[in-house]
Amino acid sequence: MTDTIDLDAEDRKIVTLARSARARNGVPEGAAVRDETGRTYVAGTVALESLKLSALQTAVAMAVASGATSLEAAAVVSAAGTPSDDDRAAVRDLGGPDTPVLLAGPDGTLRVRVTAG
């Protein structure tokens, strides 16, 4: 269950979307980002022979491809203990160093909140 004490409604939404993407696609990670207009982009891990992207990198790429110019927040649902440096870099490239990155466990419970910087 998503930790509702530490998250506002918009952040709960992206954690829920990320969790759904992970479960629906049977992938190690699910991610969601919210752009400067409030639109959300949801993705799972991409693990092709010729292309490997984390869920958060994929969500950021989807936002860029759709014309987003900035990010308000990012969330990833994973068994990992912390967002990877590559994930934080992708968020930082589009959203800037102060963009919050939320990491939740597979059950949706918030584990870590860091900035992209």
PDB file of N, CA and C in Angstrom:
ATOM      1  N   MET A   1       0.839  -1.174   0.000  1.00  0.00           N
ATOM      2  CA  MET A   1       0.000   0.000   0.000  1.00  0.00           C
ATOM      3  C   MET A   1       0.883   1.236   0.000  1.00  0.00           C
ATOM      4  N   THR A   2       0.495   2.264  -0.714  1.00  0.00           N
ATOM      5  CA  THR A   2       1.256   3.496  -0.791  1.00  0.00           C
ATOM      6  C   THR A   2       1.229   4.225   0.544  1.00  0.00           C
ATOM      7  N   ASP A   3       2.390   4.705   0.972  1.00  0.00           N
ATOM      8  CA  ASP A   3       2.501   5.477   2.205  1.00  0.00           C
ATOM      9  C   ASP A   3       1.871   6.839   1.972  1.00  0.00           C
ATOM     10  N   THR A   4       0.711   7.082   2.550  1.00  0.00           N
ATOM     11  CA  THR A   4      -0.028   8.314   2.289  1.00  0.00           C
ATOM     12  C   THR A   4       0.384   9.446   3.205  1.00  0.00           C
ATOM     13  N   ILE A   5       1.103   9.162   4.285  1.00  0.00           N
ATOM     14  CA  ILE A   5       1.489  10.204   5.224  1.00  0.00           C
ATOM     15  C   ILE A   5       2.487  11.161   4.595  1.00  0.00           C
ATOM     16  N   ASP A   6       3.450  10.655   3.845  1.00  0.00           N
ATOM     17  CA  ASP A   6       4.525  11.473   3.310  1.00  0.00           C
ATOM     18  C   ASP A   6       4.282  11.987   1.899  1.00  0.00           C
ATOM     19  N   LEU A   7       3.204  11.608   1.262  1.00  0.00           N
ATOM     20  CA  LEU A   7       2.990  11.969  -0.133  1.00  0.00           C
ATOM     21  C   LEU A   7       1.701  12.755  -0.315  1.00  0.00           C
ATOM     22  N   ASP A   8       1.776  13.793  -1.164  1.00  0.00           N
ATOM     23  CA  ASP A   8       0.537  14.483  -1.511  1.00  0.00           C
ATOM     24  C   ASP A   8      -0.176  13.673  -2.591  1.00  0.00           C
ATOM     25  N   ALA A   9      -1.366  14.105  -2.961  1.00  0.00           N
ATOM     26  CA  ALA A   9      -2.197  13.336  -3.899  1.00  0.00           C
ATOM     27  C   ALA A   9      -1.512  13.134  -5.244  1.00  0.00           C
ATOM     28  N   GLU A  10      -0.841  14.148  -5.754  1.00  0.00           N
ATOM     29  CA  GLU A  10      -0.183  14.029  -7.060  1.00  0.00           C
ATOM     30  C   GLU A  10       0.993  13.060  -7.012  1.00  0.00           C
ATOM     31  N   ASP A  11       1.738  13.076  -5.924  1.00  0.00           N
ATOM     32  CA  ASP A  11       2.850  12.133  -5.792  1.00  0.00           C
ATOM     33  C   ASP A  11       2.342  10.712  -5.561  1.00  0.00           C
ATOM     34  N   ARG A  12       1.263  10.562  -4.804  1.00  0.00           N
ATOM     35  CA  ARG A  12       0.659   9.229  -4.638  1.00  0.00           C
ATOM     36  C   ARG A  12       0.246   8.679  -5.995  1.00  0.00           C
ATOM     37  N   LYS A  13      -0.280   9.557  -6.848  1.00  0.00           N
ATOM     38  CA  LYS A  13      -0.733   9.130  -8.178  1.00  0.00           C
ATOM     39  C   LYS A  13       0.423   8.546  -8.987  1.00  0.00           C
ATOM     40  N   ILE A  14       1.577   9.229  -9.014  1.00  0.00           N
ATOM     41  CA  ILE A  14       2.662   8.698  -9.848  1.00  0.00           C
ATOM     42  C   ILE A  14       3.254   7.422  -9.250  1.00  0.00           C
ATOM     43  N   VAL A  15       3.250   7.293  -7.931  1.00  0.00           N
ATOM     44  CA  VAL A  15       3.702   6.030  -7.328  1.00  0.00           C
ATOM     45  C   VAL A  15       2.744   4.905  -7.709  1.00  0.00           C
ATOM     46  N   THR A  16       1.450   5.178  -7.645  1.00  0.00           N
ATOM     47  CA  THR A  16       0.450   4.162  -8.014  1.00  0.00           C
ATOM     48  C   THR A  16       0.585   3.772  -9.479  1.00  0.00           C
ATOM     49  N   LEU A  17       0.791   4.751 -10.352  1.00  0.00           N
ATOM     50  CA  LEU A  17       0.969   4.458 -11.781  1.00  0.00           C
ATOM     51  C   LEU A  17       2.227   3.628 -12.018  1.00  0.00           C
ATOM     52  N   ALA A  18       3.303   3.966 -11.333  1.00  0.00           N
ATOM     53  CA  ALA A  18       4.555   3.214 -11.474  1.00  0.00           C
ATOM     54  C   ALA A  18       4.381   1.778 -10.991  1.00  0.00           C
ATOM     55  N   ARG A  19       3.703   1.628  -9.881  1.00  0.00           N
ATOM     56  CA  ARG A  19       3.451   0.284  -9.339  1.00  0.00           C
ATOM     57  C   ARG A  19       2.605  -0.538 -10.305  1.00  0.00           C
ATOM     58  N   SER A  20       1.608   0.086 -10.895  1.00  0.00           N
ATOM     59  CA  SER A  20       0.741  -0.605 -11.860  1.00  0.00           C
ATOM     60  C   SER A  20       1.523  -1.043 -13.092  1.00  0.00           C
ATOM     61  N   ALA A  21       2.407  -0.179 -13.594  1.00  0.00           N
ATOM     62  CA  ALA A  21       3.209  -0.528 -14.773  1.00  0.00           C
ATOM     63  C   ALA A  21       4.100  -1.728 -14.481  1.00  0.00           C
ATOM     64  N   ARG A  22       4.699  -1.747 -13.304  1.00  0.00           N
ATOM     65  CA  ARG A  22       5.564  -2.869 -12.919  1.00  0.00           C
ATOM     66  C   ARG A  22       4.770  -4.169 -12.870  1.00  0.00           C
ATOM     67  N   ALA A  23       3.619  -4.131 -12.232  1.00  0.00           N
ATOM     68  CA  ALA A  23       2.800  -5.339 -12.085  1.00  0.00           C
ATOM     69  C   ALA A  23       2.210  -5.788 -13.414  1.00  0.00           C
ATOM     70  N   ARG A  24       1.690  -4.850 -14.179  1.00  0.00           N
ATOM     71  CA  ARG A  24       1.018  -5.175 -15.440  1.00  0.00           C
ATOM     72  C   ARG A  24       1.977  -5.800 -16.448  1.00  0.00           C
ATOM     73  N   ASN A  25       3.205  -5.306 -16.476  1.00  0.00           N
ATOM     74  CA  ASN A  25       4.164  -5.766 -17.480  1.00  0.00           C
ATOM     75  C   ASN A  25       5.117  -6.839 -16.966  1.00  0.00           C
ATOM     76  N   GLY A  26       5.050  -7.146 -15.684  1.00  0.00           N
ATOM     77  CA  GLY A  26       5.918  -8.177 -15.124  1.00  0.00           C
ATOM     78  C   GLY A  26       7.391  -7.847 -15.245  1.00  0.00           C
ATOM     79  N   VAL A  27       7.733  -6.579 -15.040  1.00  0.00           N
ATOM     80  CA  VAL A  27       9.115  -6.118 -15.173  1.00  0.00           C
ATOM     81  C   VAL A  27       9.683  -5.764 -13.797  1.00  0.00           C
ATOM     82  N   PRO A  28      11.019  -5.688 -13.688  1.00  0.00           N
ATOM     83  CA  PRO A  28      11.626  -5.404 -12.384  1.00  0.00           C
ATOM     84  C   PRO A  28      11.274  -4.036 -11.802  1.00  0.00           C
ATOM     85  N   GLU A  29      11.030  -3.059 -12.679  1.00  0.00           N
ATOM     86  CA  GLU A  29      10.736  -1.704 -12.226  1.00  0.00           C
ATOM     87  C   GLU A  29       9.581  -1.110 -13.015  1.00  0.00           C
ATOM     88  N   GLY A  30       8.848  -0.245 -12.352  1.00  0.00           N
ATOM     89  CA  GLY A  30       7.861   0.604 -13.008  1.00  0.00           C
ATOM     90  C   GLY A  30       8.180   2.031 -12.619  1.00  0.00           C
ATOM     91  N   ALA A  31       7.888   2.978 -13.498  1.00  0.00           N
ATOM     92  CA  ALA A  31       8.185   4.379 -13.194  1.00  0.00           C
ATOM     93  C   ALA A  31       7.119   5.278 -13.786  1.00  0.00           C
ATOM     94  N   ALA A  32       7.020   6.459 -13.210  1.00  0.00           N
ATOM     95  CA  ALA A  32       6.135   7.487 -13.743  1.00  0.00           C
ATOM     96  C   ALA A  32       6.767   8.840 -13.458  1.00  0.00           C
ATOM     97  N   VAL A  33       6.612   9.751 -14.395  1.00  0.00           N
ATOM     98  CA  VAL A  33       7.072  11.126 -14.204  1.00  0.00           C
ATOM     99  C   VAL A  33       5.915  12.067 -14.497  1.00  0.00           C
ATOM    100  N   ARG A  34       5.965  13.245 -13.865  1.00  0.00           N
ATOM    101  CA  ARG A  34       4.961  14.280 -14.090  1.00  0.00           C
ATOM    102  C   ARG A  34       5.680  15.495 -14.654  1.00  0.00           C
ATOM    103  N   ASP A  35       5.195  15.993 -15.808  1.00  0.00           N
ATOM    104  CA  ASP A  35       5.864  17.130 -16.434  1.00  0.00           C
ATOM    105  C   ASP A  35       5.333  18.454 -15.895  1.00  0.00           C
ATOM    106  N   GLU A  36       5.841  19.537 -16.462  1.00  0.00           N
ATOM    107  CA  GLU A  36       5.514  20.879 -15.991  1.00  0.00           C
ATOM    108  C   GLU A  36       4.048  21.253 -16.191  1.00  0.00           C
ATOM    109  N   THR A  37       3.333  20.519 -17.023  1.00  0.00           N
ATOM    110  CA  THR A  37       1.908  20.799 -17.246  1.00  0.00           C
ATOM    111  C   THR A  37       1.007  19.862 -16.445  1.00  0.00           C
ATOM    112  N   GLY A  38       1.615  18.924 -15.732  1.00  0.00           N
ATOM    113  CA  GLY A  38       0.845  17.961 -14.953  1.00  0.00           C
ATOM    114  C   GLY A  38       0.579  16.650 -15.674  1.00  0.00           C
ATOM    115  N   ARG A  39       1.010  16.544 -16.939  1.00  0.00           N
ATOM    116  CA  ARG A  39       0.848  15.274 -17.664  1.00  0.00           C
ATOM    117  C   ARG A  39       1.779  14.227 -17.071  1.00  0.00           C
ATOM    118  N   THR A  40       1.327  12.979 -17.106  1.00  0.00           N
ATOM    119  CA  THR A  40       2.147  11.890 -16.582  1.00  0.00           C
ATOM    120  C   THR A  40       2.545  10.936 -17.703  1.00  0.00           C
ATOM    121  N   TYR A  41       3.704  10.338 -17.520  1.00  0.00           N
ATOM    122  CA  TYR A  41       4.251   9.368 -18.464  1.00  0.00           C
ATOM    123  C   TYR A  41       4.661   8.156 -17.643  1.00  0.00           C
ATOM    124  N   VAL A  42       4.220   6.989 -18.064  1.00  0.00           N
ATOM    125  CA  VAL A  42       4.397   5.764 -17.285  1.00  0.00           C
ATOM    126  C   VAL A  42       5.144   4.741 -18.134  1.00  0.00           C
ATOM    127  N   ALA A  43       6.078   4.025 -17.514  1.00  0.00           N
ATOM    128  CA  ALA A  43       6.866   3.049 -18.268  1.00  0.00           C
ATOM    129  C   ALA A  43       7.366   1.939 -17.354  1.00  0.00           C
ATOM    130  N   GLY A  44       7.781   0.862 -17.994  1.00  0.00           N
ATOM    131  CA  GLY A  44       8.439  -0.241 -17.315  1.00  0.00           C
ATOM    132  C   GLY A  44       9.844  -0.394 -17.862  1.00  0.00           C
ATOM    133  N   THR A  45      10.594  -1.274 -17.263  1.00  0.00           N
ATOM    134  CA  THR A  45      11.943  -1.581 -17.714  1.00  0.00           C
ATOM    135  C   THR A  45      11.913  -2.069 -19.163  1.00  0.00           C
ATOM    136  N   VAL A  46      12.886  -1.619 -19.965  1.00  0.00           N
ATOM    137  CA  VAL A  46      13.056  -2.109 -21.335  1.00  0.00           C
ATOM    138  C   VAL A  46      14.315  -2.974 -21.336  1.00  0.00           C
ATOM    139  N   ALA A  47      14.163  -4.237 -21.682  1.00  0.00           N
ATOM    140  CA  ALA A  47      15.295  -5.164 -21.669  1.00  0.00           C
ATOM    141  C   ALA A  47      15.315  -5.965 -22.966  1.00  0.00           C
ATOM    142  N   LEU A  48      15.627  -5.264 -24.048  1.00  0.00           N
ATOM    143  CA  LEU A  48      15.769  -5.910 -25.351  1.00  0.00           C
ATOM    144  C   LEU A  48      17.233  -6.265 -25.571  1.00  0.00           C
ATOM    145  N   GLU A  49      17.476  -7.144 -26.500  1.00  0.00           N
ATOM    146  CA  GLU A  49      18.855  -7.501 -26.837  1.00  0.00           C
ATOM    147  C   GLU A  49      19.662  -6.258 -27.208  1.00  0.00           C
ATOM    148  N   SER A  50      19.050  -5.356 -27.974  1.00  0.00           N
ATOM    149  CA  SER A  50      19.765  -4.187 -28.488  1.00  0.00           C
ATOM    150  C   SER A  50      19.508  -2.906 -27.707  1.00  0.00           C
ATOM    151  N   LEU A  51      18.628  -2.927 -26.725  1.00  0.00           N
ATOM    152  CA  LEU A  51      18.273  -1.709 -25.996  1.00  0.00           C
ATOM    153  C   LEU A  51      17.923  -2.051 -24.554  1.00  0.00           C
ATOM    154  N   LYS A  52      18.628  -1.426 -23.633  1.00  0.00           N
ATOM    155  CA  LYS A  52      18.359  -1.645 -22.214  1.00  0.00           C
ATOM    156  C   LYS A  52      18.192  -0.287 -21.540  1.00  0.00           C
ATOM    157  N   LEU A  53      16.995  -0.062 -20.978  1.00  0.00           N
ATOM    158  CA  LEU A  53      16.695   1.176 -20.264  1.00  0.00           C
ATOM    159  C   LEU A  53      15.968   0.839 -18.973  1.00  0.00           C
ATOM    160  N   SER A  54      16.282   1.574 -17.943  1.00  0.00           N
ATOM    161  CA  SER A  54      15.510   1.417 -16.712  1.00  0.00           C
ATOM    162  C   SER A  54      14.119   1.994 -16.945  1.00  0.00           C
ATOM    163  N   ALA A  55      13.218   1.681 -16.060  1.00  0.00           N
ATOM    164  CA  ALA A  55      11.858   2.209 -16.181  1.00  0.00           C
ATOM    165  C   ALA A  55      11.854   3.730 -16.120  1.00  0.00           C
ATOM    166  N   LEU A  56      12.666   4.304 -15.233  1.00  0.00           N
ATOM    167  CA  LEU A  56      12.676   5.760 -15.100  1.00  0.00           C
ATOM    168  C   LEU A  56      13.298   6.422 -16.325  1.00  0.00           C
ATOM    169  N   GLN A  57      14.348   5.842 -16.877  1.00  0.00           N
ATOM    170  CA  GLN A  57      14.917   6.376 -18.118  1.00  0.00           C
ATOM    171  C   GLN A  57      13.887   6.333 -19.240  1.00  0.00           C
ATOM    172  N   THR A  58      13.119   5.263 -19.310  1.00  0.00           N
ATOM    173  CA  THR A  58      12.095   5.133 -20.347  1.00  0.00           C
ATOM    174  C   THR A  58      11.000   6.169 -20.162  1.00  0.00           C
ATOM    175  N   ALA A  59      10.558   6.384 -18.929  1.00  0.00           N
ATOM    176  CA  ALA A  59       9.515   7.385 -18.668  1.00  0.00           C
ATOM    177  C   ALA A  59      10.001   8.788 -19.023  1.00  0.00           C
ATOM    178  N   VAL A  60      11.251   9.103 -18.689  1.00  0.00           N
ATOM    179  CA  VAL A  60      11.810  10.408 -19.047  1.00  0.00           C
ATOM    180  C   VAL A  60      11.890  10.539 -20.564  1.00  0.00           C
ATOM    181  N   ALA A  61      12.325   9.496 -21.253  1.00  0.00           N
ATOM    182  CA  ALA A  61      12.394   9.531 -22.718  1.00  0.00           C
ATOM    183  C   ALA A  61      11.013   9.746 -23.330  1.00  0.00           C
ATOM    184  N   MET A  62       9.999   9.115 -22.761  1.00  0.00           N
ATOM    185  CA  MET A  62       8.632   9.300 -23.256  1.00  0.00           C
ATOM    186  C   MET A  62       8.188  10.750 -23.072  1.00  0.00           C
ATOM    187  N   ALA A  63       8.533  11.344 -21.937  1.00  0.00           N
ATOM    188  CA  ALA A  63       8.180  12.741 -21.692  1.00  0.00           C
ATOM    189  C   ALA A  63       8.862  13.653 -22.708  1.00  0.00           C
ATOM    190  N   VAL A  64      10.148  13.436 -22.934  1.00  0.00           N
ATOM    191  CA  VAL A  64      10.892  14.238 -23.910  1.00  0.00           C
ATOM    192  C   VAL A  64      10.292  14.074 -25.301  1.00  0.00           C
ATOM    193  N   ALA A  65      10.009  12.843 -25.692  1.00  0.00           N
ATOM    194  CA  ALA A  65       9.455  12.571 -27.023  1.00  0.00           C
ATOM    195  C   ALA A  65       8.072  13.188 -27.203  1.00  0.00           C
ATOM    196  N   SER A  66       7.383  13.446 -26.095  1.00  0.00           N
ATOM    197  CA  SER A  66       6.043  14.041 -26.157  1.00  0.00           C
ATOM    198  C   SER A  66       6.076  15.558 -26.026  1.00  0.00           C
ATOM    199  N   GLY A  67       7.265  16.139 -25.917  1.00  0.00           N
ATOM    200  CA  GLY A  67       7.383  17.592 -25.888  1.00  0.00           C
ATOM    201  C   GLY A  67       7.520  18.221 -24.518  1.00  0.00           C
ATOM    202  N   ALA A  68       7.656  17.429 -23.471  1.00  0.00           N
ATOM    203  CA  ALA A  68       7.839  18.004 -22.134  1.00  0.00           C
ATOM    204  C   ALA A  68       9.147  18.781 -22.092  1.00  0.00           C
ATOM    205  N   THR A  69       9.126  19.901 -21.381  1.00  0.00           N
ATOM    206  CA  THR A  69      10.332  20.714 -21.254  1.00  0.00           C
ATOM    207  C   THR A  69      10.896  20.709 -19.839  1.00  0.00           C
ATOM    208  N   SER A  70      10.166  20.130 -18.899  1.00  0.00           N
ATOM    209  CA  SER A  70      10.628  20.040 -17.523  1.00  0.00           C
ATOM    210  C   SER A  70       9.830  18.962 -16.790  1.00  0.00           C
ATOM    211  N   LEU A  71      10.320  18.572 -15.638  1.00  0.00           N
ATOM    212  CA  LEU A  71       9.612  17.606 -14.795  1.00  0.00           C
ATOM    213  C   LEU A  71       9.341  18.218 -13.429  1.00  0.00           C
ATOM    214  N   GLU A  72       8.175  17.883 -12.873  1.00  0.00           N
ATOM    215  CA  GLU A  72       7.850  18.286 -11.503  1.00  0.00           C
ATOM    216  C   GLU A  72       8.272  17.218 -10.506  1.00  0.00           C
ATOM    217  N   ALA A  73       8.159  15.940 -10.893  1.00  0.00           N
ATOM    218  CA  ALA A  73       8.481  14.843  -9.977  1.00  0.00           C
ATOM    219  C   ALA A  73       8.625  13.547 -10.755  1.00  0.00           C
ATOM    220  N   ALA A  74       9.310  12.598 -10.124  1.00  0.00           N
ATOM    221  CA  ALA A  74       9.498  11.274 -10.714  1.00  0.00           C
ATOM    222  C   ALA A  74       9.339  10.230  -9.620  1.00  0.00           C
ATOM    223  N   ALA A  75       8.832   9.066 -10.005  1.00  0.00           N
ATOM    224  CA  ALA A  75       8.684   7.958  -9.057  1.00  0.00           C
ATOM    225  C   ALA A  75       9.092   6.663  -9.731  1.00  0.00           C
ATOM    226  N   VAL A  76       9.733   5.806  -8.957  1.00  0.00           N
ATOM    227  CA  VAL A  76      10.091   4.479  -9.439  1.00  0.00           C
ATOM    228  C   VAL A  76       9.702   3.470  -8.363  1.00  0.00           C
ATOM    229  N   VAL A  77       9.148   2.356  -8.800  1.00  0.00           N
ATOM    230  CA  VAL A  77       8.805   1.257  -7.898  1.00  0.00           C
ATOM    231  C   VAL A  77       9.742   0.112  -8.231  1.00  0.00           C
ATOM    232  N   SER A  78      10.495  -0.319  -7.222  1.00  0.00           N
ATOM    233  CA  SER A  78      11.557  -1.290  -7.446  1.00  0.00           C
ATOM    234  C   SER A  78      11.909  -1.972  -6.129  1.00  0.00           C
ATOM    235  N   ALA A  79      12.592  -3.092  -6.235  1.00  0.00           N
ATOM    236  CA  ALA A  79      13.120  -3.757  -5.048  1.00  0.00           C
ATOM    237  C   ALA A  79      14.440  -3.130  -4.606  1.00  0.00           C
ATOM    238  N   ALA A  80      14.982  -2.218  -5.408  1.00  0.00           N
ATOM    239  CA  ALA A  80      16.251  -1.563  -5.083  1.00  0.00           C
ATOM    240  C   ALA A  80      16.110  -0.699  -3.831  1.00  0.00           C
ATOM    241  N   GLY A  81      17.237  -0.404  -3.210  1.00  0.00           N
ATOM    242  CA  GLY A  81      17.221   0.399  -1.998  1.00  0.00           C
ATOM    243  C   GLY A  81      17.330   1.887  -2.227  1.00  0.00           C
ATOM    244  N   THR A  82      17.775   2.276  -3.418  1.00  0.00           N
ATOM    245  CA  THR A  82      17.944   3.686  -3.731  1.00  0.00           C
ATOM    246  C   THR A  82      17.860   3.870  -5.244  1.00  0.00           C
ATOM    247  N   PRO A  83      17.429   5.046  -5.711  1.00  0.00           N
ATOM    248  CA  PRO A  83      17.423   5.281  -7.164  1.00  0.00           C
ATOM    249  C   PRO A  83      18.859   5.269  -7.692  1.00  0.00           C
ATOM    250  N   SER A  84      19.056   4.703  -8.866  1.00  0.00           N
ATOM    251  CA  SER A  84      20.405   4.631  -9.429  1.00  0.00           C
ATOM    252  C   SER A  84      20.878   6.017  -9.860  1.00  0.00           C
ATOM    253  N   ASP A  85      22.195   6.166  -9.960  1.00  0.00           N
ATOM    254  CA  ASP A  85      22.761   7.428 -10.431  1.00  0.00           C
ATOM    255  C   ASP A  85      22.293   7.743 -11.844  1.00  0.00           C
ATOM    256  N   ASP A  86      22.185   6.717 -12.695  1.00  0.00           N
ATOM    257  CA  ASP A  86      21.724   6.933 -14.070  1.00  0.00           C
ATOM    258  C   ASP A  86      20.278   7.410 -14.100  1.00  0.00           C
ATOM    259  N   ASP A  87      19.441   6.864 -13.230  1.00  0.00           N
ATOM    260  CA  ASP A  87      18.050   7.312 -13.158  1.00  0.00           C
ATOM    261  C   ASP A  87      17.975   8.760 -12.704  1.00  0.00           C
ATOM    262  N   ARG A  88      18.711   9.094 -11.670  1.00  0.00           N
ATOM    263  CA  ARG A  88      18.700  10.472 -11.174  1.00  0.00           C
ATOM    264  C   ARG A  88      19.240  11.429 -12.230  1.00  0.00           C
ATOM    265  N   ALA A  89      20.240  10.998 -12.997  1.00  0.00           N
ATOM    266  CA  ALA A  89      20.793  11.849 -14.051  1.00  0.00           C
ATOM    267  C   ALA A  89      19.758  12.126 -15.137  1.00  0.00           C
ATOM    268  N   ALA A  90      18.990  11.114 -15.519  1.00  0.00           N
ATOM    269  CA  ALA A  90      17.955  11.309 -16.544  1.00  0.00           C
ATOM    270  C   ALA A  90      16.911  12.314 -16.069  1.00  0.00           C
ATOM    271  N   VAL A  91      16.495  12.196 -14.812  1.00  0.00           N
ATOM    272  CA  VAL A  91      15.527  13.145 -14.250  1.00  0.00           C
ATOM    273  C   VAL A  91      16.144  14.539 -14.175  1.00  0.00           C
ATOM    274  N   ARG A  92      17.379  14.627 -13.740  1.00  0.00           N
ATOM    275  CA  ARG A  92      18.084  15.910 -13.632  1.00  0.00           C
ATOM    276  C   ARG A  92      18.217  16.590 -14.990  1.00  0.00           C
ATOM    277  N   ASP A  93      18.511  15.814 -16.036  1.00  0.00           N
ATOM    278  CA  ASP A  93      18.671  16.390 -17.373  1.00  0.00           C
ATOM    279  C   ASP A  93      17.425  17.125 -17.843  1.00  0.00           C
ATOM    280  N   LEU A  94      16.257  16.611 -17.499  1.00  0.00           N
ATOM    281  CA  LEU A  94      15.011  17.249 -17.938  1.00  0.00           C
ATOM    282  C   LEU A  94      14.415  18.152 -16.867  1.00  0.00           C
ATOM    283  N   GLY A  95      14.486  17.749 -15.615  1.00  0.00           N
ATOM    284  CA  GLY A  95      13.794  18.488 -14.564  1.00  0.00           C
ATOM    285  C   GLY A  95      14.657  19.399 -13.722  1.00  0.00           C
ATOM    286  N   GLY A  96      15.969  19.221 -13.772  1.00  0.00           N
ATOM    287  CA  GLY A  96      16.862  20.011 -12.935  1.00  0.00           C
ATOM    288  C   GLY A  96      17.214  19.271 -11.653  1.00  0.00           C
ATOM    289  N   PRO A  97      18.222  19.782 -10.932  1.00  0.00           N
ATOM    290  CA  PRO A  97      18.746  19.076  -9.766  1.00  0.00           C
ATOM    291  C   PRO A  97      17.795  19.001  -8.574  1.00  0.00           C
ATOM    292  N   ASP A  98      16.815  19.880  -8.502  1.00  0.00           N
ATOM    293  CA  ASP A  98      15.901  19.888  -7.356  1.00  0.00           C
ATOM    294  C   ASP A  98      14.655  19.038  -7.557  1.00  0.00           C
ATOM    295  N   THR A  99      14.530  18.389  -8.706  1.00  0.00           N
ATOM    296  CA  THR A  99      13.351  17.560  -8.975  1.00  0.00           C
ATOM    297  C   THR A  99      13.317  16.376  -8.017  1.00  0.00           C
ATOM    298  N   PRO A 100      12.204  16.187  -7.299  1.00  0.00           N
ATOM    299  CA  PRO A 100      12.121  15.049  -6.386  1.00  0.00           C
ATOM    300  C   PRO A 100      12.024  13.715  -7.124  1.00  0.00           C
ATOM    301  N   VAL A 101      12.753  12.733  -6.610  1.00  0.00           N
ATOM    302  CA  VAL A 101      12.701  11.362  -7.117  1.00  0.00           C
ATOM    303  C   VAL A 101      12.253  10.483  -5.950  1.00  0.00           C
ATOM    304  N   LEU A 102      11.122   9.826  -6.134  1.00  0.00           N
ATOM    305  CA  LEU A 102      10.542   8.975  -5.100  1.00  0.00           C
ATOM    306  C   LEU A 102      10.824   7.520  -5.439  1.00  0.00           C
ATOM    307  N   LEU A 103      11.298   6.762  -4.468  1.00  0.00           N
ATOM    308  CA  LEU A 103      11.494   5.326  -4.652  1.00  0.00           C
ATOM    309  C   LEU A 103      10.564   4.608  -3.696  1.00  0.00           C
ATOM    310  N   ALA A 104       9.705   3.775  -4.253  1.00  0.00           N
ATOM    311  CA  ALA A 104       8.791   2.964  -3.447  1.00  0.00           C
ATOM    312  C   ALA A 104       9.101   1.496  -3.678  1.00  0.00           C
ATOM    313  N   GLY A 105       8.815   0.697  -2.674  1.00  0.00           N
ATOM    314  CA  GLY A 105       8.968  -0.741  -2.795  1.00  0.00           C
ATOM    315  C   GLY A 105       7.844  -1.331  -3.617  1.00  0.00           C
ATOM    316  N   PRO A 106       7.934  -2.606  -3.948  1.00  0.00           N
ATOM    317  CA  PRO A 106       6.900  -3.262  -4.750  1.00  0.00           C
ATOM    318  C   PRO A 106       5.494  -3.154  -4.167  1.00  0.00           C
ATOM    319  N   ASP A 107       5.387  -2.963  -2.848  1.00  0.00           N
ATOM    320  CA  ASP A 107       4.066  -2.810  -2.227  1.00  0.00           C
ATOM    321  C   ASP A 107       3.571  -1.367  -2.266  1.00  0.00           C
ATOM    322  N   GLY A 108       4.369  -0.460  -2.831  1.00  0.00           N
ATOM    323  CA  GLY A 108       3.976   0.939  -2.947  1.00  0.00           C
ATOM    324  C   GLY A 108       4.393   1.808  -1.784  1.00  0.00           C
ATOM    325  N   THR A 109       5.029   1.231  -0.773  1.00  0.00           N
ATOM    326  CA  THR A 109       5.459   2.007   0.384  1.00  0.00           C
ATOM    327  C   THR A 109       6.688   2.838   0.035  1.00  0.00           C
ATOM    328  N   LEU A 110       6.618   4.127   0.311  1.00  0.00           N
ATOM    329  CA  LEU A 110       7.738   5.016   0.037  1.00  0.00           C
ATOM    330  C   LEU A 110       8.945   4.600   0.865  1.00  0.00           C
ATOM    331  N   ARG A 111      10.083   4.415   0.186  1.00  0.00           N
ATOM    332  CA  ARG A 111      11.329   4.040   0.865  1.00  0.00           C
ATOM    333  C   ARG A 111      12.280   5.216   0.966  1.00  0.00           C
ATOM    334  N   VAL A 112      12.406   5.945  -0.146  1.00  0.00           N
ATOM    335  CA  VAL A 112      13.394   7.017  -0.223  1.00  0.00           C
ATOM    336  C   VAL A 112      12.810   8.165  -1.031  1.00  0.00           C
ATOM    337  N   ARG A 113      13.105   9.375  -0.567  1.00  0.00           N
ATOM    338  CA  ARG A 113      12.789  10.579  -1.343  1.00  0.00           C
ATOM    339  C   ARG A 113      14.093  11.366  -1.438  1.00  0.00           C
ATOM    340  N   VAL A 114      14.588  11.545  -2.663  1.00  0.00           N
ATOM    341  CA  VAL A 114      15.823  12.287  -2.897  1.00  0.00           C
ATOM    342  C   VAL A 114      15.556  13.304  -3.996  1.00  0.00           C
ATOM    343  N   THR A 115      16.531  14.165  -4.232  1.00  0.00           N
ATOM    344  CA  THR A 115      16.437  15.050  -5.389  1.00  0.00           C
ATOM    345  C   THR A 115      17.292  14.469  -6.503  1.00  0.00           C
ATOM    346  N   ALA A 116      17.040  14.922  -7.708  1.00  0.00           N
ATOM    347  CA  ALA A 116      17.782  14.420  -8.864  1.00  0.00           C
ATOM    348  C   ALA A 116      19.236  14.868  -8.831  1.00  0.00           C
ATOM    349  N   GLY A 117      19.512  15.971  -8.118  1.00  0.00           N
ATOM    350  CA  GLY A 117      20.849  16.552  -8.082  1.00  0.00           C
ATOM    351  C   GLY A 117      21.814  15.768  -7.294  1.00  0.00           C
TER     352      GLY A 117
END
